[in-house]
């Protein structure tokens, strides 16, 4: 069994009280508001598809196909564990720099996965939201993304965010520009911009911050993923490639989360 490596809580200041969405992330079905044992929101950096394929002498797209199977497993595991929100880092803004044929394979696989899994996601009660710059995708892919969001909008069993063409720095720049434009239009005073106001311009507006961020493949970094939202998330790094990620690995990460002492910058005692 692969043991989770000890992660560290990012050292960032939270200057204002959490809003309703933020407060939701501090409460668990099985714990207390101070020390939940099951995270409300889990975010996952799904890493290692290419290395998995290379180790088997297969093309990279084979690793991405195998990784799609792990997506099914983690959705089921999250629901069984009582997790309410799951965010998967599927395609970063930096991934556009990959070879054109790999990008084409990835976007084709995304469309295929949506068509293949939409009925099952709806049956399970999963609501899908896409975060990231979808304008960079072709029209066919954008249509599929719109379709899965529309088809699952009424579902409530699990909130599934899929980060596509997503980069946290770009998200923050976009939010800052939107806030500046609101000030320019007279809709917002510059002095009224607070953390909660700026959060309203992020792609995750109205969602709870992640309590737990999992990264697979043994790498120990966030790679431009949910930098604002993960300020107080617990980080768990696991030495397993994403296609091999199992329900047991997910349970191990949840157990590690339950062992953490979350203080949010406040001294205990």
Protein backbone atom coordinates (compact mmCIF):
# COMPACT_ATOMS: atom_id res chain seq x y z
CA UNK A 1 0.00 0.00 0.00
CA UNK A 2 1.35 3.44 -0.90
CA UNK A 3 1.61 5.68 2.13
CA UNK A 4 0.76 9.36 1.73
CA UNK A 5 3.70 11.69 2.16
CA UNK A 6 3.32 14.39 4.76
CA UNK A 7 2.02 17.55 3.15
CA UNK A 8 2.16 21.02 4.62
CA UNK A 9 -0.51 23.62 5.05
CA UNK A 10 0.28 26.66 2.90
CA UNK A 11 1.28 29.67 5.01
CA UNK A 12 -1.15 32.36 3.84
CA UNK A 13 -3.14 34.91 5.85
CA UNK A 14 -6.91 34.90 5.87
CA UNK A 15 -7.81 38.49 6.74
CA UNK A 16 -11.59 38.26 6.85
CA UNK A 17 -14.13 35.77 8.17
CA UNK A 18 -15.13 33.02 5.79
CA UNK A 19 -18.36 33.49 3.86
CA UNK A 20 -21.11 30.90 3.70
CA UNK A 21 -19.24 28.79 1.17
CA UNK A 22 -16.03 28.97 3.17
CA UNK A 23 -17.77 28.00 6.38
CA UNK A 24 -19.22 24.96 4.65
CA UNK A 25 -15.72 23.61 4.06
CA UNK A 26 -15.02 23.55 7.79
CA UNK A 27 -17.95 21.28 8.66
CA UNK A 28 -18.11 17.51 8.21
CA UNK A 29 -20.89 14.98 8.36
CA UNK A 30 -18.88 12.92 10.84
CA UNK A 31 -16.76 15.48 12.70
CA UNK A 32 -17.04 18.87 14.32
CA UNK A 33 -16.67 22.35 12.85
CA UNK A 34 -13.17 22.55 14.36
CA UNK A 35 -11.84 19.09 13.48
CA UNK A 36 -13.82 17.39 10.68
CA UNK A 37 -12.86 13.83 9.88
CA UNK A 38 -14.20 13.86 6.32
CA UNK A 39 -13.39 16.83 4.08
CA UNK A 40 -16.31 18.61 2.46
CA UNK A 41 -14.22 19.44 -0.61
CA UNK A 42 -11.40 17.34 -2.05
CA UNK A 43 -9.29 18.59 -4.96
CA UNK A 44 -7.03 16.26 -6.93
CA UNK A 45 -4.03 16.92 -9.16
CA UNK A 46 -4.18 13.86 -11.40
CA UNK A 47 -0.54 13.33 -12.36
CA UNK A 48 1.41 10.47 -13.89
CA UNK A 49 -0.51 9.33 -16.99
CA UNK A 50 2.46 9.82 -19.28
CA UNK A 51 4.90 8.03 -16.99
CA UNK A 52 2.44 5.16 -16.55
CA UNK A 53 2.27 4.71 -20.33
CA UNK A 54 6.04 5.08 -20.83
CA UNK A 55 6.75 2.39 -18.22
CA UNK A 56 4.66 0.01 -20.30
CA UNK A 57 6.01 1.02 -23.68
CA UNK A 58 2.65 2.54 -24.65
CA UNK A 59 1.80 5.89 -26.29
CA UNK A 60 0.91 8.72 -23.92
CA UNK A 61 -2.73 8.65 -24.97
CA UNK A 62 -2.96 5.13 -23.50
CA UNK A 63 -2.03 6.62 -20.15
CA UNK A 64 -4.74 9.25 -20.50
CA UNK A 65 -7.29 6.54 -21.32
CA UNK A 66 -6.23 4.55 -18.26
CA UNK A 67 -6.44 7.72 -16.19
CA UNK A 68 -10.07 8.12 -17.22
CA UNK A 69 -10.81 4.84 -15.47
CA UNK A 70 -9.38 6.29 -12.27
CA UNK A 71 -11.75 9.23 -12.59
CA UNK A 72 -14.67 6.80 -12.35
CA UNK A 73 -13.15 5.19 -9.25
CA UNK A 74 -12.51 8.45 -7.42
CA UNK A 75 -16.02 9.77 -8.09
CA UNK A 76 -17.47 6.62 -6.56
CA UNK A 77 -15.03 6.76 -3.64
CA UNK A 78 -15.83 10.40 -2.93
CA UNK A 79 -19.54 9.68 -2.83
CA UNK A 80 -19.10 6.67 -0.55
CA UNK A 81 -16.91 8.72 1.80
CA UNK A 82 -19.48 11.50 2.14
CA UNK A 83 -17.43 14.12 0.27
CA UNK A 84 -19.73 16.78 -1.14
CA UNK A 85 -17.37 18.53 -3.56
CA UNK A 86 -14.69 17.05 -5.80
CA UNK A 87 -12.44 19.09 -8.09
CA UNK A 88 -10.25 17.32 -10.63
CA UNK A 89 -7.33 19.04 -12.38
CA UNK A 90 -7.75 17.50 -15.82
CA UNK A 91 -6.05 19.92 -18.24
CA UNK A 92 -3.91 22.90 -17.26
CA UNK A 93 -3.39 26.13 -19.16
CA UNK A 94 0.23 25.01 -19.53
CA UNK A 95 -0.87 21.77 -21.23
CA UNK A 96 -1.56 23.76 -24.39
CA UNK A 97 2.23 23.83 -24.86
CA UNK A 98 2.32 20.07 -25.37
CA UNK A 99 2.68 18.61 -28.89
CA UNK A 100 -0.37 19.30 -31.05
CA UNK A 101 -1.13 15.61 -31.56
CA UNK A 102 -1.25 14.99 -27.79
CA UNK A 103 -3.55 17.98 -27.26
CA UNK A 104 -5.78 16.64 -30.03
CA UNK A 105 -5.84 13.21 -28.38
CA UNK A 106 -6.71 14.76 -25.02
CA UNK A 107 -9.58 16.87 -26.32
CA UNK A 108 -10.93 13.93 -28.28
CA UNK A 109 -10.76 11.77 -25.17
CA UNK A 110 -12.62 14.44 -23.18
CA UNK A 111 -15.47 14.49 -25.69
CA UNK A 112 -15.60 10.70 -25.73
CA UNK A 113 -15.60 10.50 -21.93
CA UNK A 114 -18.45 13.01 -21.63
CA UNK A 115 -20.59 11.12 -24.17
CA UNK A 116 -19.76 7.80 -22.52
CA UNK A 117 -20.24 8.85 -18.90
CA UNK A 118 -23.01 11.45 -19.01
CA UNK A 119 -25.84 8.99 -18.40
CA UNK A 120 -23.98 7.35 -15.52
CA UNK A 121 -23.10 10.69 -13.92
CA UNK A 122 -26.75 11.72 -14.11
CA UNK A 123 -27.86 8.38 -12.65
CA UNK A 124 -25.46 8.86 -9.72
CA UNK A 125 -26.74 12.40 -9.10
CA UNK A 126 -23.46 14.12 -9.96
CA UNK A 127 -23.54 17.78 -10.93
CA UNK A 128 -20.70 18.75 -13.27
CA UNK A 129 -19.20 22.21 -13.50
CA UNK A 130 -16.29 23.24 -15.71
CA UNK A 131 -13.77 25.78 -14.42
CA UNK A 132 -11.07 27.28 -16.61
CA UNK A 133 -10.82 29.05 -19.95
CA UNK A 134 -13.05 26.96 -22.18
CA UNK A 135 -12.82 29.51 -25.01
CA UNK A 136 -9.50 27.93 -26.05
CA UNK A 137 -11.21 24.66 -26.97
CA UNK A 138 -12.75 24.01 -30.36
CA UNK A 139 -16.48 24.44 -30.91
CA UNK A 140 -17.25 20.71 -30.68
CA UNK A 141 -15.53 20.39 -27.30
CA UNK A 142 -17.18 23.55 -25.96
CA UNK A 143 -20.58 22.17 -27.01
CA UNK A 144 -19.94 18.93 -25.09
CA UNK A 145 -18.86 20.87 -21.99
CA UNK A 146 -22.00 22.99 -22.15
CA UNK A 147 -24.11 19.88 -22.63
CA UNK A 148 -22.79 18.03 -19.57
CA UNK A 149 -23.24 21.11 -17.36
CA UNK A 150 -26.79 21.67 -18.56
CA UNK A 151 -27.76 17.99 -18.28
CA UNK A 152 -26.57 17.66 -14.68
CA UNK A 153 -27.56 21.07 -13.30
CA UNK A 154 -30.28 19.64 -11.05
CA UNK A 155 -28.15 16.91 -9.46
CA UNK A 156 -27.18 17.17 -5.80
CA UNK A 157 -25.42 13.96 -4.69
CA UNK A 158 -21.94 15.22 -5.59
CA UNK A 159 -20.62 18.49 -6.97
CA UNK A 160 -17.90 17.66 -9.49
CA UNK A 161 -15.70 20.47 -10.77
CA UNK A 162 -13.48 19.65 -13.73
CA UNK A 163 -10.60 22.10 -14.22
CA UNK A 164 -9.93 22.39 -17.96
CA UNK A 165 -7.55 24.88 -19.54
CA UNK A 166 -7.18 26.11 -15.97
CA UNK A 167 -4.35 28.03 -14.36
CA UNK A 168 -4.61 29.70 -10.96
CA UNK A 169 -2.46 32.70 -11.88
CA UNK A 170 -4.58 33.35 -14.93
CA UNK A 171 -7.70 33.00 -12.78
CA UNK A 172 -6.39 35.62 -10.36
CA UNK A 173 -5.44 38.01 -13.17
CA UNK A 174 -8.90 37.58 -14.71
CA UNK A 175 -10.53 38.25 -11.34
CA UNK A 176 -8.41 41.37 -10.78
CA UNK A 177 -9.31 42.69 -14.22
CA UNK A 178 -13.00 42.05 -13.57
CA UNK A 179 -12.80 43.89 -10.24
CA UNK A 180 -10.94 46.79 -11.87
CA UNK A 181 -13.59 46.99 -14.59
CA UNK A 182 -16.33 47.06 -11.94
CA UNK A 183 -14.53 49.97 -10.26
CA UNK A 184 -14.15 51.76 -13.60
CA UNK A 185 -17.87 51.41 -14.27
CA UNK A 186 -18.73 52.77 -10.83
CA UNK A 187 -20.23 49.46 -9.72
CA UNK A 188 -17.64 48.95 -7.00
CA UNK A 189 -15.45 51.26 -4.91
CA UNK A 190 -11.78 50.33 -4.82
CA UNK A 191 -11.78 50.61 -1.04
CA UNK A 192 -14.57 48.05 -0.83
CA UNK A 193 -12.53 45.27 -2.43
CA UNK A 194 -12.02 42.62 0.24
CA UNK A 195 -11.09 38.96 0.10
CA UNK A 196 -14.74 37.94 -0.07
CA UNK A 197 -15.43 40.46 -2.85
CA UNK A 198 -12.47 39.25 -4.91
CA UNK A 199 -13.54 35.64 -4.38
CA UNK A 200 -16.78 36.54 -6.10
CA UNK A 201 -14.83 37.11 -9.32
CA UNK A 202 -13.08 33.73 -9.22
CA UNK A 203 -14.27 30.74 -11.24
CA UNK A 204 -15.10 29.00 -7.95
CA UNK A 205 -17.35 31.78 -6.63
CA UNK A 206 -19.96 30.39 -4.24
CA UNK A 207 -18.10 27.10 -3.75
CA UNK A 208 -16.38 25.96 -0.54
CA UNK A 209 -12.59 26.05 -0.51
CA UNK A 210 -10.92 22.65 -0.73
CA UNK A 211 -10.14 21.10 2.64
CA UNK A 212 -7.82 18.51 1.13
CA UNK A 213 -5.63 18.59 -1.98
CA UNK A 214 -4.24 15.26 -3.21
CA UNK A 215 -1.46 15.00 -5.75
CA UNK A 216 -0.43 11.71 -7.29
CA UNK A 217 2.86 10.58 -8.93
CA UNK A 218 5.13 11.54 -6.03
CA UNK A 219 5.53 15.17 -7.08
CA UNK A 220 5.20 17.64 -4.21
CA UNK A 221 3.91 20.90 -5.66
CA UNK A 222 0.61 22.58 -6.57
CA UNK A 223 1.53 23.37 -10.18
CA UNK A 224 -0.63 26.50 -10.47
CA UNK A 225 -3.78 24.78 -9.18
CA UNK A 226 -6.33 26.56 -6.95
CA UNK A 227 -3.62 28.73 -5.36
CA UNK A 228 -6.08 31.15 -3.72
CA UNK A 229 -8.58 28.51 -2.69
CA UNK A 230 -5.98 26.13 -1.23
CA UNK A 231 -4.51 28.63 1.22
CA UNK A 232 -5.57 26.49 4.19
CA UNK A 233 -6.03 23.13 2.50
CA UNK A 234 -4.28 20.05 3.83
CA UNK A 235 -1.87 18.69 1.21
CA UNK A 236 -1.29 14.98 0.71
CA UNK A 237 1.28 13.79 -1.85
CA UNK A 238 1.04 10.15 -2.89
CA UNK A 239 3.69 8.11 -4.67
CA UNK A 240 1.30 6.42 -7.09
CA UNK A 241 0.71 7.22 -10.75
CA UNK A 242 -2.79 8.43 -11.50
CA UNK A 243 -3.93 5.40 -13.58
CA UNK A 244 -3.07 3.19 -10.58
CA UNK A 245 -4.92 5.39 -8.08
CA UNK A 246 -7.51 3.25 -6.30
CA UNK A 247 -10.28 3.54 -3.75
CA UNK A 248 -7.75 2.39 -1.13
CA UNK A 249 -5.45 5.28 -1.99
CA UNK A 250 -8.37 7.70 -1.68
CA UNK A 251 -9.31 6.24 1.70
CA UNK A 252 -5.66 6.58 2.83
CA UNK A 253 -5.72 10.27 1.92
CA UNK A 254 -8.98 10.81 3.81
CA UNK A 255 -7.49 9.03 6.84
CA UNK A 256 -4.42 11.25 6.68
CA UNK A 257 -6.69 14.32 6.56
CA UNK A 258 -8.50 13.12 9.69
CA UNK A 259 -5.17 12.95 11.53
CA UNK A 260 -4.25 16.55 10.76
CA UNK A 261 -4.64 19.31 13.36
CA UNK A 262 -6.23 22.19 11.43
CA UNK A 263 -5.79 25.53 13.21
CA UNK A 264 -6.22 28.10 10.42
CA UNK A 265 -3.48 30.22 11.95
CA UNK A 266 -5.00 30.17 15.45
CA UNK A 267 -2.97 28.82 18.37
CA UNK A 268 -4.57 25.84 20.02
CA UNK A 269 -5.29 25.78 23.74
